Amino acid sequence: MNTGIEKKFVSESIKPVVATADAKAMAVGGPGLPSEFVWRGDTLAIAYVLRNWRETGPCKHGSSESYVRKHWFEVETTSKQRARIYFERQARGRNRIKRWWLFSIESKPNQILP
């Protein structure tokens, strides 16, 4: 069944726009989802958060505790695209400043992606 929606796996880091983070979420220990990101030189502006969830994993040092690894957000952008974004609690690799990632984006066929 063709719904006319193009789903695209992206898996690229995105840069939060300064001063657009959700301060309320940060005050209770969560990541403050910014209302805007820069992706491929264009602004990805968030209109709505459709849902959010957490991904957990076991302690890496042998404890029986479980820790939050990623915070996921499914959002609708101001351009009516649906995106899945996640925040890594502990950044991986050489570049430790990349903590926000665009996992996937959905758009209608006539919408142009960056």
PDB file of N, CA and C in Angstrom:
ATOM      1  N   MET A   1       0.834  -1.181   0.000  1.00  0.00           N
ATOM      2  CA  MET A   1       0.000   0.000   0.000  1.00  0.00           C
ATOM      3  C   MET A   1       0.884   1.251   0.000  1.00  0.00           C
ATOM      4  N   ASN A   2       0.706   2.108  -0.950  1.00  0.00           N
ATOM      5  CA  ASN A   2       1.492   3.330  -1.063  1.00  0.00           C
ATOM      6  C   ASN A   2       0.759   4.471  -0.380  1.00  0.00           C
ATOM      7  N   THR A   3       1.339   5.008   0.699  1.00  0.00           N
ATOM      8  CA  THR A   3       0.716   6.094   1.455  1.00  0.00           C
ATOM      9  C   THR A   3       1.132   7.456   0.932  1.00  0.00           C
ATOM     10  N   GLY A   4       2.080   7.507   0.011  1.00  0.00           N
ATOM     11  CA  GLY A   4       2.558   8.761  -0.515  1.00  0.00           C
ATOM     12  C   GLY A   4       3.574   9.433   0.387  1.00  0.00           C
ATOM     13  N   ILE A   5       3.979   8.758   1.458  1.00  0.00           N
ATOM     14  CA  ILE A   5       4.950   9.307   2.395  1.00  0.00           C
ATOM     15  C   ILE A   5       6.305   8.660   2.118  1.00  0.00           C
ATOM     16  N   GLU A   6       7.328   9.500   1.986  1.00  0.00           N
ATOM     17  CA  GLU A   6       8.684   8.999   1.790  1.00  0.00           C
ATOM     18  C   GLU A   6       9.389   8.955   3.137  1.00  0.00           C
ATOM     19  N   LYS A   7       9.820   7.767   3.539  1.00  0.00           N
ATOM     20  CA  LYS A   7      10.546   7.611   4.793  1.00  0.00           C
ATOM     21  C   LYS A   7      12.020   7.471   4.476  1.00  0.00           C
ATOM     22  N   LYS A   8      12.828   8.297   5.150  1.00  0.00           N
ATOM     23  CA  LYS A   8      14.254   8.300   4.851  1.00  0.00           C
ATOM     24  C   LYS A   8      15.057   8.097   6.132  1.00  0.00           C
ATOM     25  N   PHE A   9      15.903   7.064   6.138  1.00  0.00           N
ATOM     26  CA  PHE A   9      16.846   6.841   7.232  1.00  0.00           C
ATOM     27  C   PHE A   9      17.980   7.827   7.047  1.00  0.00           C
ATOM     28  N   VAL A  10      18.314   8.593   8.107  1.00  0.00           N
ATOM     29  CA  VAL A  10      19.314   9.648   7.989  1.00  0.00           C
ATOM     30  C   VAL A  10      20.563   9.330   8.801  1.00  0.00           C
ATOM     31  N   SER A  11      20.420   9.166  10.096  1.00  0.00           N
ATOM     32  CA  SER A  11      21.520   8.889  11.020  1.00  0.00           C
ATOM     33  C   SER A  11      22.672   9.885  10.878  1.00  0.00           C
ATOM     34  N   GLU A  12      22.337  11.167  11.019  1.00  0.00           N
ATOM     35  CA  GLU A  12      23.332  12.231  10.959  1.00  0.00           C
ATOM     36  C   GLU A  12      23.209  13.114  12.189  1.00  0.00           C
ATOM     37  N   SER A  13      24.337  13.647  12.640  1.00  0.00           N
ATOM     38  CA  SER A  13      24.281  14.559  13.775  1.00  0.00           C
ATOM     39  C   SER A  13      23.631  15.868  13.330  1.00  0.00           C
ATOM     40  N   ILE A  14      22.934  16.498  14.263  1.00  0.00           N
ATOM     41  CA  ILE A  14      22.299  17.780  14.015  1.00  0.00           C
ATOM     42  C   ILE A  14      22.745  18.746  15.108  1.00  0.00           C
ATOM     43  N   LYS A  15      22.811  20.004  14.753  1.00  0.00           N
ATOM     44  CA  LYS A  15      23.327  21.004  15.694  1.00  0.00           C
ATOM     45  C   LYS A  15      22.171  21.822  16.262  1.00  0.00           C
ATOM     46  N   PRO A  16      22.007  21.814  17.593  1.00  0.00           N
ATOM     47  CA  PRO A  16      20.949  22.622  18.190  1.00  0.00           C
ATOM     48  C   PRO A  16      21.218  24.112  17.997  1.00  0.00           C
ATOM     49  N   VAL A  17      20.155  24.867  17.765  1.00  0.00           N
ATOM     50  CA  VAL A  17      20.283  26.318  17.661  1.00  0.00           C
ATOM     51  C   VAL A  17      20.351  26.865  19.088  1.00  0.00           C
ATOM     52  N   VAL A  18      21.342  27.703  19.334  1.00  0.00           N
ATOM     53  CA  VAL A  18      21.591  28.251  20.665  1.00  0.00           C
ATOM     54  C   VAL A  18      20.337  28.959  21.198  1.00  0.00           C
ATOM     55  N   ALA A  19      20.089  28.776  22.478  1.00  0.00           N
ATOM     56  CA  ALA A  19      18.993  29.432  23.211  1.00  0.00           C
ATOM     57  C   ALA A  19      17.596  28.976  22.810  1.00  0.00           C
ATOM     58  N   THR A  20      17.461  27.786  22.190  1.00  0.00           N
ATOM     59  CA  THR A  20      16.122  27.271  21.874  1.00  0.00           C
ATOM     60  C   THR A  20      15.800  26.006  22.665  1.00  0.00           C
ATOM     61  N   ALA A  21      16.667  25.628  23.615  1.00  0.00           N
ATOM     62  CA  ALA A  21      16.464  24.401  24.397  1.00  0.00           C
ATOM     63  C   ALA A  21      15.317  24.568  25.395  1.00  0.00           C
ATOM     64  N   ASP A  22      14.663  23.473  25.708  1.00  0.00           N
ATOM     65  CA  ASP A  22      13.567  23.437  26.670  1.00  0.00           C
ATOM     66  C   ASP A  22      14.147  23.456  28.086  1.00  0.00           C
ATOM     67  N   ALA A  23      14.137  24.615  28.719  1.00  0.00           N
ATOM     68  CA  ALA A  23      14.730  24.778  30.054  1.00  0.00           C
ATOM     69  C   ALA A  23      13.989  23.971  31.114  1.00  0.00           C
ATOM     70  N   LYS A  24      12.672  23.787  30.964  1.00  0.00           N
ATOM     71  CA  LYS A  24      11.899  23.010  31.950  1.00  0.00           C
ATOM     72  C   LYS A  24      12.382  21.561  31.997  1.00  0.00           C
ATOM     73  N   ALA A  25      12.610  20.970  30.849  1.00  0.00           N
ATOM     74  CA  ALA A  25      13.088  19.586  30.797  1.00  0.00           C
ATOM     75  C   ALA A  25      14.481  19.475  31.402  1.00  0.00           C
ATOM     76  N   MET A  26      15.317  20.463  31.153  1.00  0.00           N
ATOM     77  CA  MET A  26      16.674  20.451  31.688  1.00  0.00           C
ATOM     78  C   MET A  26      16.660  20.601  33.216  1.00  0.00           C
ATOM     79  N   ALA A  27      15.693  21.323  33.746  1.00  0.00           N
ATOM     80  CA  ALA A  27      15.606  21.543  35.196  1.00  0.00           C
ATOM     81  C   ALA A  27      15.308  20.258  35.962  1.00  0.00           C
ATOM     82  N   VAL A  28      14.704  19.281  35.290  1.00  0.00           N
ATOM     83  CA  VAL A  28      14.406  18.003  35.939  1.00  0.00           C
ATOM     84  C   VAL A  28      15.336  16.885  35.476  1.00  0.00           C
ATOM     85  N   GLY A  29      16.461  17.255  34.850  1.00  0.00           N
ATOM     86  CA  GLY A  29      17.490  16.282  34.506  1.00  0.00           C
ATOM     87  C   GLY A  29      17.418  15.669  33.127  1.00  0.00           C
ATOM     88  N   GLY A  30      16.458  16.076  32.320  1.00  0.00           N
ATOM     89  CA  GLY A  30      16.359  15.542  30.967  1.00  0.00           C
ATOM     90  C   GLY A  30      17.035  16.458  29.977  1.00  0.00           C
ATOM     91  N   PRO A  31      17.196  16.002  28.748  1.00  0.00           N
ATOM     92  CA  PRO A  31      17.754  16.890  27.733  1.00  0.00           C
ATOM     93  C   PRO A  31      16.688  17.909  27.328  1.00  0.00           C
ATOM     94  N   GLY A  32      17.074  19.127  27.149  1.00  0.00           N
ATOM     95  CA  GLY A  32      16.131  20.160  26.733  1.00  0.00           C
ATOM     96  C   GLY A  32      16.022  20.173  25.225  1.00  0.00           C
ATOM     97  N   LEU A  33      15.002  19.526  24.703  1.00  0.00           N
ATOM     98  CA  LEU A  33      14.832  19.444  23.246  1.00  0.00           C
ATOM     99  C   LEU A  33      14.767  20.848  22.660  1.00  0.00           C
ATOM    100  N   PRO A  34      15.733  21.220  21.832  1.00  0.00           N
ATOM    101  CA  PRO A  34      15.684  22.540  21.201  1.00  0.00           C
ATOM    102  C   PRO A  34      14.510  22.632  20.226  1.00  0.00           C
ATOM    103  N   SER A  35      14.030  23.838  20.005  1.00  0.00           N
ATOM    104  CA  SER A  35      12.931  24.008  19.055  1.00  0.00           C
ATOM    105  C   SER A  35      13.447  24.140  17.624  1.00  0.00           C
ATOM    106  N   GLU A  36      14.774  24.283  17.475  1.00  0.00           N
ATOM    107  CA  GLU A  36      15.376  24.369  16.142  1.00  0.00           C
ATOM    108  C   GLU A  36      16.732  23.682  16.124  1.00  0.00           C
ATOM    109  N   PHE A  37      17.014  23.055  14.987  1.00  0.00           N
ATOM    110  CA  PHE A  37      18.305  22.416  14.736  1.00  0.00           C
ATOM    111  C   PHE A  37      18.803  22.862  13.374  1.00  0.00           C
ATOM    112  N   VAL A  38      20.098  22.752  13.164  1.00  0.00           N
ATOM    113  CA  VAL A  38      20.663  22.969  11.834  1.00  0.00           C
ATOM    114  C   VAL A  38      21.047  21.588  11.301  1.00  0.00           C
ATOM    115  N   TRP A  39      20.530  21.282  10.128  1.00  0.00           N
ATOM    116  CA  TRP A  39      20.810  20.006   9.466  1.00  0.00           C
ATOM    117  C   TRP A  39      21.126  20.298   8.006  1.00  0.00           C
ATOM    118  N   ARG A  40      22.317  19.917   7.585  1.00  0.00           N
ATOM    119  CA  ARG A  40      22.761  20.122   6.203  1.00  0.00           C
ATOM    120  C   ARG A  40      22.649  21.589   5.782  1.00  0.00           C
ATOM    121  N   GLY A  41      22.911  22.494   6.723  1.00  0.00           N
ATOM    122  CA  GLY A  41      22.890  23.917   6.425  1.00  0.00           C
ATOM    123  C   GLY A  41      21.521  24.575   6.493  1.00  0.00           C
ATOM    124  N   ASP A  42      20.463  23.802   6.678  1.00  0.00           N
ATOM    125  CA  ASP A  42      19.109  24.342   6.775  1.00  0.00           C
ATOM    126  C   ASP A  42      18.586  24.207   8.199  1.00  0.00           C
ATOM    127  N   THR A  43      17.604  25.035   8.541  1.00  0.00           N
ATOM    128  CA  THR A  43      16.998  24.972   9.866  1.00  0.00           C
ATOM    129  C   THR A  43      15.849  23.973   9.863  1.00  0.00           C
ATOM    130  N   LEU A  44      15.876  23.088  10.831  1.00  0.00           N
ATOM    131  CA  LEU A  44      14.810  22.117  11.051  1.00  0.00           C
ATOM    132  C   LEU A  44      14.079  22.592  12.306  1.00  0.00           C
ATOM    133  N   ALA A  45      12.916  23.219  12.127  1.00  0.00           N
ATOM    134  CA  ALA A  45      12.171  23.807  13.242  1.00  0.00           C
ATOM    135  C   ALA A  45      11.068  22.852  13.698  1.00  0.00           C
ATOM    136  N   ILE A  46      10.971  22.649  14.999  1.00  0.00           N
ATOM    137  CA  ILE A  46      10.004  21.711  15.563  1.00  0.00           C
ATOM    138  C   ILE A  46       8.720  22.436  15.925  1.00  0.00           C
ATOM    139  N   ALA A  47       7.603  21.916  15.410  1.00  0.00           N
ATOM    140  CA  ALA A  47       6.287  22.481  15.709  1.00  0.00           C
ATOM    141  C   ALA A  47       5.648  21.757  16.895  1.00  0.00           C
ATOM    142  N   TYR A  48       5.725  20.416  16.903  1.00  0.00           N
ATOM    143  CA  TYR A  48       5.085  19.597  17.935  1.00  0.00           C
ATOM    144  C   TYR A  48       5.948  18.398  18.289  1.00  0.00           C
ATOM    145  N   VAL A  49       5.885  18.009  19.542  1.00  0.00           N
ATOM    146  CA  VAL A  49       6.452  16.725  19.960  1.00  0.00           C
ATOM    147  C   VAL A  49       5.285  15.751  19.971  1.00  0.00           C
ATOM    148  N   LEU A  50       5.362  14.730  19.143  1.00  0.00           N
ATOM    149  CA  LEU A  50       4.285  13.750  19.037  1.00  0.00           C
ATOM    150  C   LEU A  50       4.382  12.694  20.130  1.00  0.00           C
ATOM    151  N   ARG A  51       5.608  12.287  20.436  1.00  0.00           N
ATOM    152  CA  ARG A  51       5.837  11.344  21.536  1.00  0.00           C
ATOM    153  C   ARG A  51       7.317  11.347  21.886  1.00  0.00           C
ATOM    154  N   ASN A  52       7.617  10.854  23.068  1.00  0.00           N
ATOM    155  CA  ASN A  52       9.012  10.703  23.472  1.00  0.00           C
ATOM    156  C   ASN A  52       9.139   9.459  24.336  1.00  0.00           C
ATOM    157  N   TRP A  53      10.329   8.899  24.357  1.00  0.00           N
ATOM    158  CA  TRP A  53      10.608   7.703  25.134  1.00  0.00           C
ATOM    159  C   TRP A  53      12.097   7.620  25.409  1.00  0.00           C
ATOM    160  N   ARG A  54      12.459   6.688  26.272  1.00  0.00           N
ATOM    161  CA  ARG A  54      13.873   6.511  26.631  1.00  0.00           C
ATOM    162  C   ARG A  54      14.337   5.110  26.287  1.00  0.00           C
ATOM    163  N   GLU A  55      15.603   5.023  25.941  1.00  0.00           N
ATOM    164  CA  GLU A  55      16.250   3.734  25.694  1.00  0.00           C
ATOM    165  C   GLU A  55      17.241   3.509  26.836  1.00  0.00           C
ATOM    166  N   THR A  56      17.123   2.366  27.503  1.00  0.00           N
ATOM    167  CA  THR A  56      17.993   2.087  28.643  1.00  0.00           C
ATOM    168  C   THR A  56      18.934   0.928  28.337  1.00  0.00           C
ATOM    169  N   GLY A  57      19.961   0.814  29.163  1.00  0.00           N
ATOM    170  CA  GLY A  57      20.925  -0.268  29.027  1.00  0.00           C
ATOM    171  C   GLY A  57      21.542  -0.574  30.376  1.00  0.00           C
ATOM    172  N   PRO A  58      22.159  -1.732  30.499  1.00  0.00           N
ATOM    173  CA  PRO A  58      22.767  -2.113  31.779  1.00  0.00           C
ATOM    174  C   PRO A  58      24.011  -1.283  32.084  1.00  0.00           C
ATOM    175  N   CYS A  59      24.366  -1.258  33.330  1.00  0.00           N
ATOM    176  CA  CYS A  59      25.589  -0.587  33.772  1.00  0.00           C
ATOM    177  C   CYS A  59      26.785  -1.235  33.077  1.00  0.00           C
ATOM    178  N   LYS A  60      27.738  -0.438  32.662  1.00  0.00           N
ATOM    179  CA  LYS A  60      28.916  -0.964  31.960  1.00  0.00           C
ATOM    180  C   LYS A  60      30.021  -1.390  32.917  1.00  0.00           C
ATOM    181  N   HIS A  61      29.766  -1.252  34.217  1.00  0.00           N
ATOM    182  CA  HIS A  61      30.787  -1.585  35.211  1.00  0.00           C
ATOM    183  C   HIS A  61      30.370  -2.743  36.123  1.00  0.00           C
ATOM    184  N   GLY A  62      29.383  -3.513  35.707  1.00  0.00           N
ATOM    185  CA  GLY A  62      29.033  -4.715  36.438  1.00  0.00           C
ATOM    186  C   GLY A  62      27.897  -4.597  37.436  1.00  0.00           C
ATOM    187  N   SER A  63      27.413  -3.412  37.698  1.00  0.00           N
ATOM    188  CA  SER A  63      26.298  -3.222  38.624  1.00  0.00           C
ATOM    189  C   SER A  63      25.014  -3.763  37.993  1.00  0.00           C
ATOM    190  N   SER A  64      24.032  -4.040  38.800  1.00  0.00           N
ATOM    191  CA  SER A  64      22.749  -4.525  38.279  1.00  0.00           C
ATOM    192  C   SER A  64      21.825  -3.376  37.879  1.00  0.00           C
ATOM    193  N   GLU A  65      22.306  -2.144  38.003  1.00  0.00           N
ATOM    194  CA  GLU A  65      21.486  -0.980  37.674  1.00  0.00           C
ATOM    195  C   GLU A  65      21.347  -0.806  36.164  1.00  0.00           C
ATOM    196  N   SER A  66      20.276  -0.116  35.795  1.00  0.00           N
ATOM    197  CA  SER A  66      20.021   0.210  34.406  1.00  0.00           C
ATOM    198  C   SER A  66      20.114   1.717  34.249  1.00  0.00           C
ATOM    199  N   TYR A  67      20.651   2.181  33.130  1.00  0.00           N
ATOM    200  CA  TYR A  67      20.834   3.604  32.896  1.00  0.00           C
ATOM    201  C   TYR A  67      20.193   4.023  31.581  1.00  0.00           C
ATOM    202  N   VAL A  68      19.745   5.279  31.540  1.00  0.00           N
ATOM    203  CA  VAL A  68      19.194   5.830  30.304  1.00  0.00           C
ATOM    204  C   VAL A  68      20.356   6.105  29.354  1.00  0.00           C
ATOM    205  N   ARG A  69      20.276   5.554  28.149  1.00  0.00           N
ATOM    206  CA  ARG A  69      21.320   5.743  27.134  1.00  0.00           C
ATOM    207  C   ARG A  69      20.923   6.825  26.124  1.00  0.00           C
ATOM    208  N   LYS A  70      19.648   6.790  25.704  1.00  0.00           N
ATOM    209  CA  LYS A  70      19.168   7.751  24.700  1.00  0.00           C
ATOM    210  C   LYS A  70      17.779   8.241  25.076  1.00  0.00           C
ATOM    211  N   HIS A  71      17.517   9.486  24.732  1.00  0.00           N
ATOM    212  CA  HIS A  71      16.187  10.079  24.832  1.00  0.00           C
ATOM    213  C   HIS A  71      15.697  10.275  23.401  1.00  0.00           C
ATOM    214  N   TRP A  72      14.569   9.688  23.066  1.00  0.00           N
ATOM    215  CA  TRP A  72      14.023   9.752  21.714  1.00  0.00           C
ATOM    216  C   TRP A  72      12.847  10.718  21.661  1.00  0.00           C
ATOM    217  N   PHE A  73      12.700  11.385  20.516  1.00  0.00           N
ATOM    218  CA  PHE A  73      11.597  12.303  20.280  1.00  0.00           C
ATOM    219  C   PHE A  73      11.083  12.089  18.866  1.00  0.00           C
ATOM    220  N   GLU A  74       9.782  11.895  18.748  1.00  0.00           N
ATOM    221  CA  GLU A  74       9.158  11.894  17.429  1.00  0.00           C
ATOM    222  C   GLU A  74       8.452  13.238  17.322  1.00  0.00           C
ATOM    223  N   VAL A  75       8.810  14.005  16.305  1.00  0.00           N
ATOM    224  CA  VAL A  75       8.331  15.378  16.199  1.00  0.00           C
ATOM    225  C   VAL A  75       7.740  15.652  14.824  1.00  0.00           C
ATOM    226  N   GLU A  76       6.934  16.707  14.780  1.00  0.00           N
ATOM    227  CA  GLU A  76       6.487  17.229  13.497  1.00  0.00           C
ATOM    228  C   GLU A  76       7.154  18.584  13.331  1.00  0.00           C
ATOM    229  N   THR A  77       7.706  18.818  12.172  1.00  0.00           N
ATOM    230  CA  THR A  77       8.391  20.088  11.915  1.00  0.00           C
ATOM    231  C   THR A  77       7.386  21.129  11.414  1.00  0.00           C
ATOM    232  N   THR A  78       7.836  22.366  11.376  1.00  0.00           N
ATOM    233  CA  THR A  78       6.972  23.432  10.869  1.00  0.00           C
ATOM    234  C   THR A  78       6.686  23.265   9.379  1.00  0.00           C
ATOM    235  N   SER A  79       7.505  22.465   8.687  1.00  0.00           N
ATOM    236  CA  SER A  79       7.269  22.187   7.264  1.00  0.00           C
ATOM    237  C   SER A  79       6.479  20.889   7.065  1.00  0.00           C
ATOM    238  N   LYS A  80       5.848  20.416   8.160  1.00  0.00           N
ATOM    239  CA  LYS A  80       4.949  19.237   8.131  1.00  0.00           C
ATOM    240  C   LYS A  80       5.653  17.918   7.862  1.00  0.00           C
ATOM    241  N   GLN A  81       6.937  17.848   8.175  1.00  0.00           N
ATOM    242  CA  GLN A  81       7.649  16.578   8.092  1.00  0.00           C
ATOM    243  C   GLN A  81       7.620  15.934   9.473  1.00  0.00           C
ATOM    244  N   ARG A  82       7.729  14.633   9.510  1.00  0.00           N
ATOM    245  CA  ARG A  82       7.807  13.912  10.775  1.00  0.00           C
ATOM    246  C   ARG A  82       9.236  13.395  10.912  1.00  0.00           C
ATOM    247  N   ALA A  83       9.836  13.646  12.075  1.00  0.00           N
ATOM    248  CA  ALA A  83      11.228  13.252  12.279  1.00  0.00           C
ATOM    249  C   ALA A  83      11.384  12.513  13.595  1.00  0.00           C
ATOM    250  N   ARG A  84      12.352  11.610  13.609  1.00  0.00           N
ATOM    251  CA  ARG A  84      12.766  10.955  14.850  1.00  0.00           C
ATOM    252  C   ARG A  84      14.163  11.450  15.186  1.00  0.00           C
ATOM    253  N   ILE A  85      14.260  12.034  16.374  1.00  0.00           N
ATOM    254  CA  ILE A  85      15.494  12.644  16.858  1.00  0.00           C
ATOM    255  C   ILE A  85      15.862  11.965  18.163  1.00  0.00           C
ATOM    256  N   TYR A  86      17.153  11.768  18.392  1.00  0.00           N
ATOM    257  CA  TYR A  86      17.539  11.269  19.714  1.00  0.00           C
ATOM    258  C   TYR A  86      18.726  12.029  20.271  1.00  0.00           C
ATOM    259  N   PHE A  87      18.817  11.988  21.600  1.00  0.00           N
ATOM    260  CA  PHE A  87      19.893  12.616  22.350  1.00  0.00           C
ATOM    261  C   PHE A  87      20.653  11.517  23.061  1.00  0.00           C
ATOM    262  N   GLU A  88      21.963  11.449  22.856  1.00  0.00           N
ATOM    263  CA  GLU A  88      22.800  10.452  23.530  1.00  0.00           C
ATOM    264  C   GLU A  88      23.291  11.020  24.861  1.00  0.00           C
ATOM    265  N   ARG A  89      23.038  10.289  25.937  1.00  0.00           N
ATOM    266  CA  ARG A  89      23.502  10.736  27.251  1.00  0.00           C
ATOM    267  C   ARG A  89      25.028  10.765  27.311  1.00  0.00           C
ATOM    268  N   GLN A  90      25.659   9.786  26.687  1.00  0.00           N
ATOM    269  CA  GLN A  90      27.124   9.736  26.620  1.00  0.00           C
ATOM    270  C   GLN A  90      27.506   9.656  25.150  1.00  0.00           C
ATOM    271  N   ALA A  91      28.076  10.743  24.666  1.00  0.00           N
ATOM    272  CA  ALA A  91      28.466  10.776  23.257  1.00  0.00           C
ATOM    273  C   ALA A  91      29.558   9.751  22.982  1.00  0.00           C
ATOM    274  N   ARG A  92      29.525   9.180  21.790  1.00  0.00           N
ATOM    275  CA  ARG A  92      30.497   8.156  21.403  1.00  0.00           C
ATOM    276  C   ARG A  92      31.528   8.718  20.442  1.00  0.00           C
ATOM    277  N   GLY A  93      32.598   7.986  20.287  1.00  0.00           N
ATOM    278  CA  GLY A  93      33.580   8.316  19.271  1.00  0.00           C
ATOM    279  C   GLY A  93      34.497   9.455  19.623  1.00  0.00           C
ATOM    280  N   ARG A  94      35.160   9.939  18.603  1.00  0.00           N
ATOM    281  CA  ARG A  94      36.159  10.993  18.788  1.00  0.00           C
ATOM    282  C   ARG A  94      35.537  12.366  19.049  1.00  0.00           C
ATOM    283  N   ASN A  95      34.424  12.634  18.420  1.00  0.00           N
ATOM    284  CA  ASN A  95      33.804  13.951  18.549  1.00  0.00           C
ATOM    285  C   ASN A  95      32.713  13.888  19.608  1.00  0.00           C
ATOM    286  N   ARG A  96      33.047  14.242  20.820  1.00  0.00           N
ATOM    287  CA  ARG A  96      32.140  14.119  21.960  1.00  0.00           C
ATOM    288  C   ARG A  96      31.078  15.211  22.032  1.00  0.00           C
ATOM    289  N   ILE A  97      31.109  16.169  21.112  1.00  0.00           N
ATOM    290  CA  ILE A  97      30.086  17.209  21.166  1.00  0.00           C
ATOM    291  C   ILE A  97      28.838  16.834  20.370  1.00  0.00           C
ATOM    292  N   LYS A  98      28.910  15.792  19.576  1.00  0.00           N
ATOM    293  CA  LYS A  98      27.751  15.354  18.798  1.00  0.00           C
ATOM    294  C   LYS A  98      26.854  14.499  19.691  1.00  0.00           C
ATOM    295  N   ARG A  99      25.803  15.110  20.206  1.00  0.00           N
ATOM    296  CA  ARG A  99      24.914  14.402  21.115  1.00  0.00           C
ATOM    297  C   ARG A  99      23.495  14.309  20.571  1.00  0.00           C
ATOM    298  N   TRP A 100      23.128  15.212  19.658  1.00  0.00           N
ATOM    299  CA  TRP A 100      21.804  15.191  19.041  1.00  0.00           C
ATOM    300  C   TRP A 100      21.924  14.587  17.643  1.00  0.00           C
ATOM    301  N   TRP A 101      20.998  13.671  17.319  1.00  0.00           N
ATOM    302  CA  TRP A 101      21.039  12.962  16.042  1.00  0.00           C
ATOM    303  C   TRP A 101      19.660  12.925  15.397  1.00  0.00           C
ATOM    304  N   LEU A 102      19.643  13.107  14.083  1.00  0.00           N
ATOM    305  CA  LEU A 102      18.429  12.915  13.299  1.00  0.00           C
ATOM    306  C   LEU A 102      18.473  11.473  12.811  1.00  0.00           C
ATOM    307  N   PHE A 103      17.572  10.653  13.342  1.00  0.00           N
ATOM    308  CA  PHE A 103      17.548   9.237  12.987  1.00  0.00           C
ATOM    309  C   PHE A 103      16.846   9.031  11.646  1.00  0.00           C
ATOM    310  N   SER A 104      15.657   9.616  11.511  1.00  0.00           N
ATOM    311  CA  SER A 104      14.914   9.456  10.259  1.00  0.00           C
ATOM    312  C   SER A 104      13.975  10.644  10.073  1.00  0.00           C
ATOM    313  N   ILE A 105      13.533  10.785   8.829  1.00  0.00           N
ATOM    314  CA  ILE A 105      12.588  11.853   8.510  1.00  0.00           C
ATOM    315  C   ILE A 105      11.609  11.339   7.469  1.00  0.00           C
ATOM    316  N   GLU A 106      10.354  11.759   7.595  1.00  0.00           N
ATOM    317  CA  GLU A 106       9.307  11.386   6.645  1.00  0.00           C
ATOM    318  C   GLU A 106       8.768  12.655   6.013  1.00  0.00           C
ATOM    319  N   SER A 107       8.533  12.595   4.719  1.00  0.00           N
ATOM    320  CA  SER A 107       7.987  13.748   4.035  1.00  0.00           C
ATOM    321  C   SER A 107       7.104  13.287   2.882  1.00  0.00           C
ATOM    322  N   LYS A 108       6.287  14.188   2.418  1.00  0.00           N
ATOM    323  CA  LYS A 108       5.452  13.911   1.248  1.00  0.00           C
ATOM    324  C   LYS A 108       6.332  14.031   0.012  1.00  0.00           C
ATOM    325  N   PRO A 109       5.989  13.359  -1.064  1.00  0.00           N
ATOM    326  CA  PRO A 109       6.838  13.358  -2.263  1.00  0.00           C
ATOM    327  C   PRO A 109       7.211  14.732  -2.793  1.00  0.00           C
ATOM    328  N   ASN A 110       6.355  15.734  -2.638  1.00  0.00           N
ATOM    329  CA  ASN A 110       6.641  17.060  -3.187  1.00  0.00           C
ATOM    330  C   ASN A 110       7.468  17.927  -2.238  1.00  0.00           C
ATOM    331  N   GLN A 111       7.767  17.438  -1.014  1.00  0.00           N
ATOM    332  CA  GLN A 111       8.595  18.185  -0.088  1.00  0.00           C
ATOM    333  C   GLN A 111      10.062  17.924  -0.401  1.00  0.00           C
ATOM    334  N   ILE A 112      10.858  18.962  -0.306  1.00  0.00           N
ATOM    335  CA  ILE A 112      12.283  18.847  -0.613  1.00  0.00           C
ATOM    336  C   ILE A 112      13.058  18.718   0.674  1.00  0.00           C
ATOM    337  N   LEU A 113      13.909  17.691   0.751  1.00  0.00           N
ATOM    338  CA  LEU A 113      14.790  17.498   1.907  1.00  0.00           C
ATOM    339  C   LEU A 113      16.127  18.159   1.624  1.00  0.00           C
ATOM    340  N   PRO A 114      16.772  18.678   2.689  1.00  0.00           N
ATOM    341  CA  PRO A 114      18.104  19.271   2.494  1.00  0.00           C
ATOM    342  C   PRO A 114      19.098  18.245   1.999  1.00  0.00           C
TER     343      PRO A 114
END
